[in-house]
Amino acid sequence: MSPNSDDGAPGVLASNSQCYRYSGQAGKTTCGATFYSKRRFCYCKDASGGSSGDPHIQSLRGAHYSLLKEGTFLAWSFSKAPVEWQLYAHYAGSTFTTQGLLLLDKSLGRRMEMTAEDCQWRSQEGGKWHAVKSGAQELSWKVQTTNLTSPDLVVMGSEINLSMEVPQGQHKVARLLSHCTPGDHLDFKLTMFKKEDIDYVNGELGVDPQVWNTSSLFYSKSSQMQMRSDLEFEASASWSSLGGSAAAAEYLKKKQQEQAEASLVLRKDCTESEIRAATKTCAKYLKNILNQDVFADCVFDVCHGGGEAEAKRAALLFSG
């Protein structure tokens, strides 16, 4: 989903989106509708948000932007009594892809992490980290894993369902879906089961599209992207200090050393023929996905080195 402003093109709305005018009042008017040559500014609460590619962030409140920056960031948090959960994402490598996820339960002191080194979720118990088996129930977090393979692409999928105890029983809050290629990078998508729970969300997936005072535009022949620095979500503490393992911290440090190549990769603009080829590739795999932002991100990633594999990853993530 993308915000619509006076100079923006209307985004494609999901049928389950709740639209709000800039005043904060819900309305039935379509985002991007023209009134007196001006476009109505509004945002839409969608059930899903996530990060893919370089990374491209889609928030649960309808914001869409890219973050070409290395570091650990608060991707999502949910604070509603009696739980306080946090999800950190670490972006690194030559194209700033997601290299690690750290899921924390601040209310109970438990933690889980995964890196793109081997795409395996691990949890800490008794001061030691151990691999989480598919079907394991980490208290109210249930983990399922699956392998999505093709002749030229290996993707390890995982799904974590997050629930909380309420007087009426179990309250399903969110589903965290991740697709990870070992030794490469991972993408993730988080879906909220109840739209009213989005009001308790913070972090990158909680960004409000009305707040663009810290944004900028990145222009290339293939697209024009909204950029943010996300300084308010950048973690000042190290991965280990946040609660991650020393082994994961060492891997992320190694990926950070690839950062010197990043500016060269992303400054290289795509040629017209590369853009046409990337557009054709993305159209092949994303033909059933109507979100314009997802398609534009796919074209950017494919023609900036991601290749056909990146289009396949996008199709898997956004169709799941």
C-alpha atoms as a PDB file:
ATOM      1  CA  MET A   1       0.000   0.000   0.000  1.00  0.00           C
ATOM      2  CA  SER A   2       1.250   3.492  -0.642  1.00  0.00           C
ATOM      3  CA  PRO A   3       0.035   6.814   0.732  1.00  0.00           C
ATOM      4  CA  ASN A   4      -1.630   9.205  -1.680  1.00  0.00           C
ATOM      5  CA  SER A   5      -0.890  12.910  -1.605  1.00  0.00           C
ATOM      6  CA  ASP A   6      -1.471  15.903  -3.847  1.00  0.00           C
ATOM      7  CA  ASP A   7       1.301  14.874  -6.183  1.00  0.00           C
ATOM      8  CA  GLY A   8       1.103  11.090  -5.834  1.00  0.00           C
ATOM      9  CA  ALA A   9      -0.574   8.464  -7.918  1.00  0.00           C
ATOM     10  CA  PRO A  10      -3.368   6.447  -6.301  1.00  0.00           C
ATOM     11  CA  GLY A  11      -2.287   3.118  -4.862  1.00  0.00           C
ATOM     12  CA  VAL A  12      -4.051  -0.198  -5.260  1.00  0.00           C
ATOM     13  CA  LEU A  13      -6.303  -0.854  -2.282  1.00  0.00           C
ATOM     14  CA  ALA A  14      -6.833  -4.253  -0.779  1.00  0.00           C
ATOM     15  CA  SER A  15     -10.473  -5.138  -0.241  1.00  0.00           C
ATOM     16  CA  ASN A  16      -9.893  -5.533   3.497  1.00  0.00           C
ATOM     17  CA  SER A  17      -8.267  -2.107   3.984  1.00  0.00           C
ATOM     18  CA  GLN A  18      -9.807   0.474   6.307  1.00  0.00           C
ATOM     19  CA  CYS A  19      -9.268   3.982   4.877  1.00  0.00           C
ATOM     20  CA  TYR A  20      -8.866   7.127   6.979  1.00  0.00           C
ATOM     21  CA  ARG A  21      -8.825  10.767   5.938  1.00  0.00           C
ATOM     22  CA  TYR A  22      -5.969  12.962   7.124  1.00  0.00           C
ATOM     23  CA  SER A  23      -8.197  14.124   9.992  1.00  0.00           C
ATOM     24  CA  GLY A  24      -8.108  10.606  11.389  1.00  0.00           C
ATOM     25  CA  GLN A  25     -11.797   9.913  10.730  1.00  0.00           C
ATOM     26  CA  ALA A  26     -12.733   6.770   8.844  1.00  0.00           C
ATOM     27  CA  GLY A  27     -14.242   7.320   5.425  1.00  0.00           C
ATOM     28  CA  LYS A  28     -15.456   5.421   2.403  1.00  0.00           C
ATOM     29  CA  THR A  29     -13.767   7.715  -0.118  1.00  0.00           C
ATOM     30  CA  THR A  30     -11.170   5.911  -2.211  1.00  0.00           C
ATOM     31  CA  CYS A  31      -7.584   6.955  -1.588  1.00  0.00           C
ATOM     32  CA  GLY A  32      -6.350   9.094  -4.447  1.00  0.00           C
ATOM     33  CA  ALA A  33      -9.783  10.368  -5.523  1.00  0.00           C
ATOM     34  CA  THR A  34      -9.502  13.812  -7.123  1.00  0.00           C
ATOM     35  CA  PHE A  35     -11.330  16.830  -5.686  1.00  0.00           C
ATOM     36  CA  TYR A  36     -10.793  20.246  -7.297  1.00  0.00           C
ATOM     37  CA  SER A  37      -7.599  18.979  -8.994  1.00  0.00           C
ATOM     38  CA  LYS A  38      -6.227  17.801  -5.612  1.00  0.00           C
ATOM     39  CA  ARG A  39      -5.858  14.231  -4.444  1.00  0.00           C
ATOM     40  CA  ARG A  40      -7.398  13.276  -1.122  1.00  0.00           C
ATOM     41  CA  PHE A  41      -4.683  12.314   1.368  1.00  0.00           C
ATOM     42  CA  CYS A  42      -5.578   9.228   3.331  1.00  0.00           C
ATOM     43  CA  TYR A  43      -4.045   6.065   4.617  1.00  0.00           C
ATOM     44  CA  CYS A  44      -5.307   2.527   4.871  1.00  0.00           C
ATOM     45  CA  LYS A  45      -4.952   0.110   7.717  1.00  0.00           C
ATOM     46  CA  ASP A  46      -4.030  -3.169   6.097  1.00  0.00           C
ATOM     47  CA  ALA A  47      -3.705  -6.508   7.840  1.00  0.00           C
ATOM     48  CA  SER A  48      -0.179  -7.196   6.560  1.00  0.00           C
ATOM     49  CA  GLY A  49       3.163  -5.451   6.497  1.00  0.00           C
ATOM     50  CA  GLY A  50       6.740  -6.509   6.025  1.00  0.00           C
ATOM     51  CA  SER A  51      10.168  -6.128   4.498  1.00  0.00           C
ATOM     52  CA  SER A  52      11.593  -7.517   1.278  1.00  0.00           C
ATOM     53  CA  GLY A  53      14.530  -6.892  -0.993  1.00  0.00           C
ATOM     54  CA  ASP A  54      16.765  -3.892  -0.316  1.00  0.00           C
ATOM     55  CA  PRO A  55      14.714  -3.614   2.016  1.00  0.00           C
ATOM     56  CA  HIS A  56      11.342  -2.211   0.985  1.00  0.00           C
ATOM     57  CA  ILE A  57       9.069  -1.603   3.983  1.00  0.00           C
ATOM     58  CA  GLN A  58       5.284  -1.868   3.841  1.00  0.00           C
ATOM     59  CA  SER A  59       3.740  -0.779   7.125  1.00  0.00           C
ATOM     60  CA  LEU A  60       0.493  -1.975   8.647  1.00  0.00           C
ATOM     61  CA  ARG A  61      -0.810   1.607   8.389  1.00  0.00           C
ATOM     62  CA  GLY A  62      -0.239   1.847   4.659  1.00  0.00           C
ATOM     63  CA  ALA A  63       3.180   3.490   4.414  1.00  0.00           C
ATOM     64  CA  HIS A  64       5.581   2.223   1.774  1.00  0.00           C
ATOM     65  CA  TYR A  65       9.244   3.192   1.646  1.00  0.00           C
ATOM     66  CA  SER A  66      12.780   1.882   1.196  1.00  0.00           C
ATOM     67  CA  LEU A  67      15.626   1.887   3.710  1.00  0.00           C
ATOM     68  CA  LEU A  68      19.082   1.662   2.149  1.00  0.00           C
ATOM     69  CA  LYS A  69      20.926   1.557   5.433  1.00  0.00           C
ATOM     70  CA  GLU A  70      22.929  -0.919   7.496  1.00  0.00           C
ATOM     71  CA  GLY A  71      22.076  -1.628  11.127  1.00  0.00           C
ATOM     72  CA  THR A  72      19.594  -3.158  13.534  1.00  0.00           C
ATOM     73  CA  PHE A  73      16.112  -1.618  13.585  1.00  0.00           C
ATOM     74  CA  LEU A  74      12.908  -2.125  15.553  1.00  0.00           C
ATOM     75  CA  ALA A  75      10.786  -3.603  12.780  1.00  0.00           C
ATOM     76  CA  TRP A  76       7.662  -4.202  14.900  1.00  0.00           C
ATOM     77  CA  SER A  77       6.541  -4.004  18.487  1.00  0.00           C
ATOM     78  CA  PHE A  78       3.258  -4.859  20.159  1.00  0.00           C
ATOM     79  CA  SER A  79       2.519  -3.552  23.613  1.00  0.00           C
ATOM     80  CA  LYS A  80      -0.881  -4.488  25.037  1.00  0.00           C
ATOM     81  CA  ALA A  81      -1.315  -5.832  28.551  1.00  0.00           C
ATOM     82  CA  PRO A  82      -0.195  -8.367  29.528  1.00  0.00           C
ATOM     83  CA  VAL A  83       2.384  -8.713  26.695  1.00  0.00           C
ATOM     84  CA  GLU A  84       5.225  -6.634  25.313  1.00  0.00           C
ATOM     85  CA  TRP A  85       6.780  -8.077  22.160  1.00  0.00           C
ATOM     86  CA  GLN A  86       9.537  -6.707  19.928  1.00  0.00           C
ATOM     87  CA  LEU A  87      10.855  -7.784  16.537  1.00  0.00           C
ATOM     88  CA  TYR A  88      14.255  -6.457  15.453  1.00  0.00           C
ATOM     89  CA  ALA A  89      15.603  -6.756  11.907  1.00  0.00           C
ATOM     90  CA  HIS A  90      19.238  -6.395  10.918  1.00  0.00           C
ATOM     91  CA  TYR A  91      19.954  -5.013   7.437  1.00  0.00           C
ATOM     92  CA  ALA A  92      23.422  -5.530   5.958  1.00  0.00           C
ATOM     93  CA  GLY A  93      25.353  -6.733   2.939  1.00  0.00           C
ATOM     94  CA  SER A  94      26.053  -5.094  -0.398  1.00  0.00           C
ATOM     95  CA  THR A  95      22.386  -4.216  -1.008  1.00  0.00           C
ATOM     96  CA  PHE A  96      21.180  -3.754   2.609  1.00  0.00           C
ATOM     97  CA  THR A  97      19.043  -6.911   2.616  1.00  0.00           C
ATOM     98  CA  THR A  98      17.582  -8.407   5.809  1.00  0.00           C
ATOM     99  CA  GLN A  99      20.178 -10.703   7.393  1.00  0.00           C
ATOM    100  CA  GLY A 100      18.697 -11.393  10.827  1.00  0.00           C
ATOM    101  CA  LEU A 101      15.512 -11.320  12.917  1.00  0.00           C
ATOM    102  CA  LEU A 102      15.330 -11.184  16.707  1.00  0.00           C
ATOM    103  CA  LEU A 103      11.965 -11.784  18.383  1.00  0.00           C
ATOM    104  CA  LEU A 104      11.719 -10.787  22.038  1.00  0.00           C
ATOM    105  CA  ASP A 105       9.047 -11.277  24.669  1.00  0.00           C
ATOM    106  CA  LYS A 106       9.937  -8.548  27.161  1.00  0.00           C
ATOM    107  CA  SER A 107       7.103  -9.585  29.487  1.00  0.00           C
ATOM    108  CA  LEU A 108       8.380 -13.173  29.962  1.00  0.00           C
ATOM    109  CA  GLY A 109      12.051 -12.763  29.080  1.00  0.00           C
ATOM    110  CA  ARG A 110      12.098 -15.259  26.181  1.00  0.00           C
ATOM    111  CA  ARG A 111      13.829 -14.726  22.853  1.00  0.00           C
ATOM    112  CA  MET A 112      14.167 -16.276  19.407  1.00  0.00           C
ATOM    113  CA  GLU A 113      16.446 -15.394  16.495  1.00  0.00           C
ATOM    114  CA  MET A 114      17.218 -16.360  12.926  1.00  0.00           C
ATOM    115  CA  THR A 115      19.964 -15.279  10.525  1.00  0.00           C
ATOM    116  CA  ALA A 116      20.360 -15.827   6.795  1.00  0.00           C
ATOM    117  CA  GLU A 117      23.460 -17.896   7.489  1.00  0.00           C
ATOM    118  CA  ASP A 118      21.402 -21.097   7.852  1.00  0.00           C
ATOM    119  CA  CYS A 119      17.793 -19.779   8.079  1.00  0.00           C
ATOM    120  CA  GLN A 120      17.166 -21.702  11.333  1.00  0.00           C
ATOM    121  CA  TRP A 121      15.082 -20.283  14.179  1.00  0.00           C
ATOM    122  CA  ARG A 122      16.788 -20.690  17.558  1.00  0.00           C
ATOM    123  CA  SER A 123      15.561 -19.962  21.054  1.00  0.00           C
ATOM    124  CA  GLN A 124      17.399 -19.483  24.312  1.00  0.00           C
ATOM    125  CA  GLU A 125      16.723 -21.744  27.264  1.00  0.00           C
ATOM    126  CA  GLY A 126      18.846 -22.062  30.379  1.00  0.00           C
ATOM    127  CA  GLY A 127      21.418 -19.698  28.938  1.00  0.00           C
ATOM    128  CA  LYS A 128      21.936 -21.883  25.847  1.00  0.00           C
ATOM    129  CA  TRP A 129      20.637 -21.491  22.302  1.00  0.00           C
ATOM    130  CA  HIS A 130      18.983 -24.447  20.577  1.00  0.00           C
ATOM    131  CA  ALA A 131      17.310 -25.008  17.201  1.00  0.00           C
ATOM    132  CA  VAL A 132      13.520 -24.755  17.228  1.00  0.00           C
ATOM    133  CA  LYS A 133      11.827 -27.752  15.627  1.00  0.00           C
ATOM    134  CA  SER A 134       8.835 -27.378  13.346  1.00  0.00           C
ATOM    135  CA  GLY A 135       5.602 -27.662  15.298  1.00  0.00           C
ATOM    136  CA  ALA A 136       7.264 -26.544  18.527  1.00  0.00           C
ATOM    137  CA  GLN A 137       5.161 -24.513  20.927  1.00  0.00           C
ATOM    138  CA  GLU A 138       7.303 -21.817  22.535  1.00  0.00           C
ATOM    139  CA  LEU A 139       4.656 -20.968  25.132  1.00  0.00           C
ATOM    140  CA  SER A 140       2.121 -18.917  23.098  1.00  0.00           C
ATOM    141  CA  TRP A 141       4.399 -18.813  20.013  1.00  0.00           C
ATOM    142  CA  LYS A 142       3.885 -21.730  17.634  1.00  0.00           C
ATOM    143  CA  VAL A 143       6.566 -22.313  14.970  1.00  0.00           C
ATOM    144  CA  GLN A 144       6.018 -24.076  11.639  1.00  0.00           C
ATOM    145  CA  THR A 145       8.703 -24.481   8.967  1.00  0.00           C
ATOM    146  CA  THR A 146       8.605 -25.607   5.340  1.00  0.00           C
ATOM    147  CA  ASN A 147      11.010 -25.773   2.406  1.00  0.00           C
ATOM    148  CA  LEU A 148       9.954 -24.069  -0.817  1.00  0.00           C
ATOM    149  CA  THR A 149      12.343 -25.263  -3.510  1.00  0.00           C
ATOM    150  CA  SER A 150      12.691 -25.045  -7.271  1.00  0.00           C
ATOM    151  CA  PRO A 151      15.554 -26.177  -9.523  1.00  0.00           C
ATOM    152  CA  ASP A 152      17.351 -22.839  -9.209  1.00  0.00           C
ATOM    153  CA  LEU A 153      16.083 -21.425  -5.902  1.00  0.00           C
ATOM    154  CA  VAL A 154      16.057 -22.733  -2.340  1.00  0.00           C
ATOM    155  CA  VAL A 155      13.784 -20.902   0.095  1.00  0.00           C
ATOM    156  CA  MET A 156      13.248 -22.020   3.677  1.00  0.00           C
ATOM    157  CA  GLY A 157       9.891 -20.814   4.926  1.00  0.00           C
ATOM    158  CA  SER A 158       8.770 -20.359   8.512  1.00  0.00           C
ATOM    159  CA  GLU A 159       5.597 -19.230  10.194  1.00  0.00           C
ATOM    160  CA  ILE A 160       5.267 -18.129  13.816  1.00  0.00           C
ATOM    161  CA  ASN A 161       1.786 -17.564  15.219  1.00  0.00           C
ATOM    162  CA  LEU A 162       1.769 -15.163  18.163  1.00  0.00           C
ATOM    163  CA  SER A 163      -1.028 -15.464  20.716  1.00  0.00           C
ATOM    164  CA  MET A 164      -1.666 -13.953  24.137  1.00  0.00           C
ATOM    165  CA  GLU A 165      -3.644 -15.126  27.132  1.00  0.00           C
ATOM    166  CA  VAL A 166      -6.800 -13.135  27.879  1.00  0.00           C
ATOM    167  CA  PRO A 167      -9.652 -13.917  30.312  1.00  0.00           C
ATOM    168  CA  GLN A 168     -11.643 -15.408  27.426  1.00  0.00           C
ATOM    169  CA  GLY A 169      -8.759 -17.722  26.444  1.00  0.00           C
ATOM    170  CA  GLN A 170      -6.184 -17.469  23.644  1.00  0.00           C
ATOM    171  CA  HIS A 171      -6.225 -14.253  21.608  1.00  0.00           C
ATOM    172  CA  LYS A 172      -4.500 -14.624  18.222  1.00  0.00           C
ATOM    173  CA  VAL A 173      -2.465 -11.471  17.595  1.00  0.00           C
ATOM    174  CA  ALA A 174      -0.171 -11.918  14.607  1.00  0.00           C
ATOM    175  CA  ARG A 175       1.481 -14.288  12.161  1.00  0.00           C
ATOM    176  CA  LEU A 176       5.154 -13.769  11.264  1.00  0.00           C
ATOM    177  CA  LEU A 177       6.017 -15.310   7.898  1.00  0.00           C
ATOM    178  CA  SER A 178       9.635 -15.453   6.720  1.00  0.00           C
ATOM    179  CA  HIS A 179      11.254 -16.724   3.529  1.00  0.00           C
ATOM    180  CA  CYS A 180      14.992 -17.253   3.723  1.00  0.00           C
ATOM    181  CA  THR A 181      17.689 -18.388   1.291  1.00  0.00           C
ATOM    182  CA  PRO A 182      20.720 -19.746   3.197  1.00  0.00           C
ATOM    183  CA  GLY A 183      23.822 -17.639   2.712  1.00  0.00           C
ATOM    184  CA  ASP A 184      21.847 -14.931   0.923  1.00  0.00           C
ATOM    185  CA  HIS A 185      19.087 -13.002   2.727  1.00  0.00           C
ATOM    186  CA  LEU A 186      15.594 -13.280   4.159  1.00  0.00           C
ATOM    187  CA  ASP A 187      12.274 -11.511   3.623  1.00  0.00           C
ATOM    188  CA  PHE A 188       9.455 -11.325   6.146  1.00  0.00           C
ATOM    189  CA  LYS A 189       5.790 -10.407   6.352  1.00  0.00           C
ATOM    190  CA  LEU A 190       3.692  -9.887   9.485  1.00  0.00           C
ATOM    191  CA  THR A 191      -0.094 -10.186   9.465  1.00  0.00           C
ATOM    192  CA  MET A 192      -2.314  -8.920  12.278  1.00  0.00           C
ATOM    193  CA  PHE A 193      -5.428 -11.014  12.906  1.00  0.00           C
ATOM    194  CA  LYS A 194      -7.432  -8.110  14.388  1.00  0.00           C
ATOM    195  CA  LYS A 195      -7.188  -4.668  12.808  1.00  0.00           C
ATOM    196  CA  GLU A 196      -7.918  -2.972  16.145  1.00  0.00           C
ATOM    197  CA  ASP A 197      -4.653  -4.468  17.447  1.00  0.00           C
ATOM    198  CA  ILE A 198      -2.722  -2.324  14.946  1.00  0.00           C
ATOM    199  CA  ASP A 199      -3.316   0.589  17.349  1.00  0.00           C
ATOM    200  CA  TYR A 200      -0.833  -1.078  19.741  1.00  0.00           C
ATOM    201  CA  VAL A 201       1.898  -1.464  17.102  1.00  0.00           C
ATOM    202  CA  ASN A 202       5.096   0.587  16.847  1.00  0.00           C
ATOM    203  CA  GLY A 203       8.322   0.294  14.857  1.00  0.00           C
ATOM    204  CA  GLU A 204       8.813   0.321  11.099  1.00  0.00           C
ATOM    205  CA  LEU A 205       5.657  -1.699  10.478  1.00  0.00           C
ATOM    206  CA  GLY A 206       3.734   0.899  12.482  1.00  0.00           C
ATOM    207  CA  VAL A 207       4.854   3.917  10.416  1.00  0.00           C
ATOM    208  CA  ASP A 208       2.024   6.330   9.597  1.00  0.00           C
ATOM    209  CA  PRO A 209       2.149   7.542   5.969  1.00  0.00           C
ATOM    210  CA  GLN A 210       1.160  11.045   7.119  1.00  0.00           C
ATOM    211  CA  VAL A 211       4.554  11.411   8.807  1.00  0.00           C
ATOM    212  CA  TRP A 212       6.939  12.014   5.911  1.00  0.00           C
ATOM    213  CA  ASN A 213       8.963  14.858   7.400  1.00  0.00           C
ATOM    214  CA  THR A 214      12.041  12.619   7.593  1.00  0.00           C
ATOM    215  CA  SER A 215      11.686  11.161   4.111  1.00  0.00           C
ATOM    216  CA  SER A 216      13.381  11.821   0.788  1.00  0.00           C
ATOM    217  CA  LEU A 217      13.090  10.600  -2.790  1.00  0.00           C
ATOM    218  CA  PHE A 218      15.469   8.266  -4.600  1.00  0.00           C
ATOM    219  CA  TYR A 219      15.264   8.528  -8.369  1.00  0.00           C
ATOM    220  CA  SER A 220      16.327   5.927 -10.897  1.00  0.00           C
ATOM    221  CA  LYS A 221      15.231   5.139 -14.430  1.00  0.00           C
ATOM    222  CA  SER A 222      13.224   2.196 -13.139  1.00  0.00           C
ATOM    223  CA  SER A 223      11.369   3.894 -10.296  1.00  0.00           C
ATOM    224  CA  GLN A 224      10.991   6.754  -7.857  1.00  0.00           C
ATOM    225  CA  MET A 225      11.181   5.493  -4.282  1.00  0.00           C
ATOM    226  CA  GLN A 226      10.200   7.100  -1.013  1.00  0.00           C
ATOM    227  CA  MET A 227      13.140   6.859   1.385  1.00  0.00           C
ATOM    228  CA  ARG A 228      13.386   7.097   5.169  1.00  0.00           C
ATOM    229  CA  SER A 229      16.329   6.979   7.560  1.00  0.00           C
ATOM    230  CA  ASP A 230      14.293   5.442  10.450  1.00  0.00           C
ATOM    231  CA  LEU A 231      16.571   7.015  13.043  1.00  0.00           C
ATOM    232  CA  GLU A 232      13.815   6.682  15.648  1.00  0.00           C
ATOM    233  CA  PHE A 233      13.823   2.890  15.201  1.00  0.00           C
ATOM    234  CA  GLU A 234      17.577   2.318  14.914  1.00  0.00           C
ATOM    235  CA  ALA A 235      18.944   0.325  17.849  1.00  0.00           C
ATOM    236  CA  SER A 236      21.870   1.897  19.669  1.00  0.00           C
ATOM    237  CA  ALA A 237      22.634  -1.371  21.491  1.00  0.00           C
ATOM    238  CA  SER A 238      24.453  -4.284  19.873  1.00  0.00           C
ATOM    239  CA  TRP A 239      22.698  -7.466  18.718  1.00  0.00           C
ATOM    240  CA  SER A 240      24.008  -9.324  21.764  1.00  0.00           C
ATOM    241  CA  SER A 241      22.974  -6.543  24.143  1.00  0.00           C
ATOM    242  CA  LEU A 242      19.442  -6.598  22.726  1.00  0.00           C
ATOM    243  CA  GLY A 243      19.238 -10.318  23.522  1.00  0.00           C
ATOM    244  CA  GLY A 244      20.691 -12.083  20.481  1.00  0.00           C
ATOM    245  CA  SER A 245      23.391 -14.732  20.496  1.00  0.00           C
ATOM    246  CA  ALA A 246      27.116 -14.137  20.109  1.00  0.00           C
ATOM    247  CA  ALA A 247      27.181 -16.474  17.080  1.00  0.00           C
ATOM    248  CA  ALA A 248      24.516 -14.448  15.266  1.00  0.00           C
ATOM    249  CA  ALA A 249      26.264 -11.203  16.182  1.00  0.00           C
ATOM    250  CA  GLU A 250      29.500 -12.504  14.636  1.00  0.00           C
ATOM    251  CA  TYR A 251      27.710 -13.475  11.411  1.00  0.00           C
ATOM    252  CA  LEU A 252      26.033 -10.064  11.148  1.00  0.00           C
ATOM    253  CA  LYS A 253      29.372  -8.360  11.732  1.00  0.00           C
ATOM    254  CA  LYS A 254      30.826 -10.329   8.821  1.00  0.00           C
ATOM    255  CA  LYS A 255      27.949  -9.271   6.556  1.00  0.00           C
ATOM    256  CA  GLN A 256      28.518  -5.691   7.628  1.00  0.00           C
ATOM    257  CA  GLN A 257      31.992  -5.839   6.098  1.00  0.00           C
ATOM    258  CA  GLU A 258      30.400  -6.215   2.666  1.00  0.00           C
ATOM    259  CA  GLN A 259      28.949  -2.746   3.071  1.00  0.00           C
ATOM    260  CA  ALA A 260      31.732  -1.052   1.115  1.00  0.00           C
ATOM    261  CA  GLU A 261      30.326  -2.550  -2.080  1.00  0.00           C
ATOM    262  CA  ALA A 262      26.818  -1.210  -1.494  1.00  0.00           C
ATOM    263  CA  SER A 263      27.161   2.302  -2.877  1.00  0.00           C
ATOM    264  CA  LEU A 264      28.638   0.957  -6.123  1.00  0.00           C
ATOM    265  CA  VAL A 265      25.781  -1.523  -6.644  1.00  0.00           C
ATOM    266  CA  LEU A 266      22.972   0.932  -5.961  1.00  0.00           C
ATOM    267  CA  ARG A 267      24.456   3.939  -7.748  1.00  0.00           C
ATOM    268  CA  LYS A 268      24.569   1.973 -10.987  1.00  0.00           C
ATOM    269  CA  ASP A 269      21.332   2.849 -12.738  1.00  0.00           C
ATOM    270  CA  CYS A 270      19.587   0.323 -14.924  1.00  0.00           C
ATOM    271  CA  THR A 271      19.593   0.748 -18.680  1.00  0.00           C
ATOM    272  CA  GLU A 272      16.324   0.987 -20.600  1.00  0.00           C
ATOM    273  CA  SER A 273      16.757  -2.569 -21.879  1.00  0.00           C
ATOM    274  CA  GLU A 274      17.462  -3.845 -18.333  1.00  0.00           C
ATOM    275  CA  ILE A 275      14.297  -2.132 -17.078  1.00  0.00           C
ATOM    276  CA  ARG A 276      12.216  -3.684 -19.863  1.00  0.00           C
ATOM    277  CA  ALA A 277      13.670  -7.117 -19.087  1.00  0.00           C
ATOM    278  CA  ALA A 278      13.064  -6.679 -15.331  1.00  0.00           C
ATOM    279  CA  THR A 279       9.491  -5.504 -15.958  1.00  0.00           C
ATOM    280  CA  LYS A 280       8.829  -8.578 -18.100  1.00  0.00           C
ATOM    281  CA  THR A 281      10.312 -10.851 -15.435  1.00  0.00           C
ATOM    282  CA  CYS A 282       8.250  -9.319 -12.614  1.00  0.00           C
ATOM    283  CA  ALA A 283       5.081  -9.460 -14.729  1.00  0.00           C
ATOM    284  CA  LYS A 284       5.693 -13.184 -15.227  1.00  0.00           C
ATOM    285  CA  TYR A 285       5.811 -13.969 -11.503  1.00  0.00           C
ATOM    286  CA  LEU A 286       3.593 -11.245 -10.006  1.00  0.00           C
ATOM    287  CA  LYS A 287       0.675 -11.517 -12.424  1.00  0.00           C
ATOM    288  CA  ASN A 288      -1.764 -12.277  -9.578  1.00  0.00           C
ATOM    289  CA  ILE A 289      -0.447  -9.546  -7.250  1.00  0.00           C
ATOM    290  CA  LEU A 290      -2.060  -6.155  -7.906  1.00  0.00           C
ATOM    291  CA  ASN A 291      -0.066  -3.992  -5.492  1.00  0.00           C
ATOM    292  CA  GLN A 292       1.781  -1.404  -7.601  1.00  0.00           C
ATOM    293  CA  ASP A 293       4.435  -0.815  -4.937  1.00  0.00           C
ATOM    294  CA  VAL A 294       5.341  -4.509  -4.801  1.00  0.00           C
ATOM    295  CA  PHE A 295       5.711  -4.562  -8.578  1.00  0.00           C
ATOM    296  CA  ALA A 296       7.882  -1.406  -8.650  1.00  0.00           C
ATOM    297  CA  ASP A 297      10.111  -2.811  -5.891  1.00  0.00           C
ATOM    298  CA  CYS A 298      10.450  -6.044  -7.854  1.00  0.00           C
ATOM    299  CA  VAL A 299      11.605  -4.188 -10.981  1.00  0.00           C
ATOM    300  CA  PHE A 300      14.132  -2.197  -8.948  1.00  0.00           C
ATOM    301  CA  ASP A 301      15.549  -5.289  -7.226  1.00  0.00           C
ATOM    302  CA  VAL A 302      15.671  -7.443 -10.352  1.00  0.00           C
ATOM    303  CA  CYS A 303      17.526  -4.880 -12.457  1.00  0.00           C
ATOM    304  CA  HIS A 304      19.884  -3.947  -9.593  1.00  0.00           C
ATOM    305  CA  GLY A 305      21.373  -7.416  -9.359  1.00  0.00           C
ATOM    306  CA  GLY A 306      18.606  -9.545  -7.834  1.00  0.00           C
ATOM    307  CA  GLY A 307      17.766 -11.243 -11.117  1.00  0.00           C
ATOM    308  CA  GLU A 308      14.886 -13.615 -11.714  1.00  0.00           C
ATOM    309  CA  ALA A 309      15.347 -15.174  -8.258  1.00  0.00           C
ATOM    310  CA  GLU A 310      14.249 -11.899  -6.634  1.00  0.00           C
ATOM    311  CA  ALA A 311      10.994 -11.916  -8.618  1.00  0.00           C
ATOM    312  CA  LYS A 312      10.363 -15.495  -7.507  1.00  0.00           C
ATOM    313  CA  ARG A 313      10.973 -14.540  -3.866  1.00  0.00           C
ATOM    314  CA  ALA A 314       8.536 -11.621  -4.120  1.00  0.00           C
ATOM    315  CA  ALA A 315       5.861 -13.857  -5.611  1.00  0.00           C
ATOM    316  CA  LEU A 316       6.296 -16.416  -2.814  1.00  0.00           C
ATOM    317  CA  LEU A 317       6.197 -13.822  -0.051  1.00  0.00           C
ATOM    318  CA  PHE A 318       3.260 -11.740  -1.198  1.00  0.00           C
ATOM    319  CA  SER A 319       1.098 -14.661  -2.247  1.00  0.00           C
ATOM    320  CA  GLY A 320       1.554 -16.351   1.139  1.00  0.00           C
END
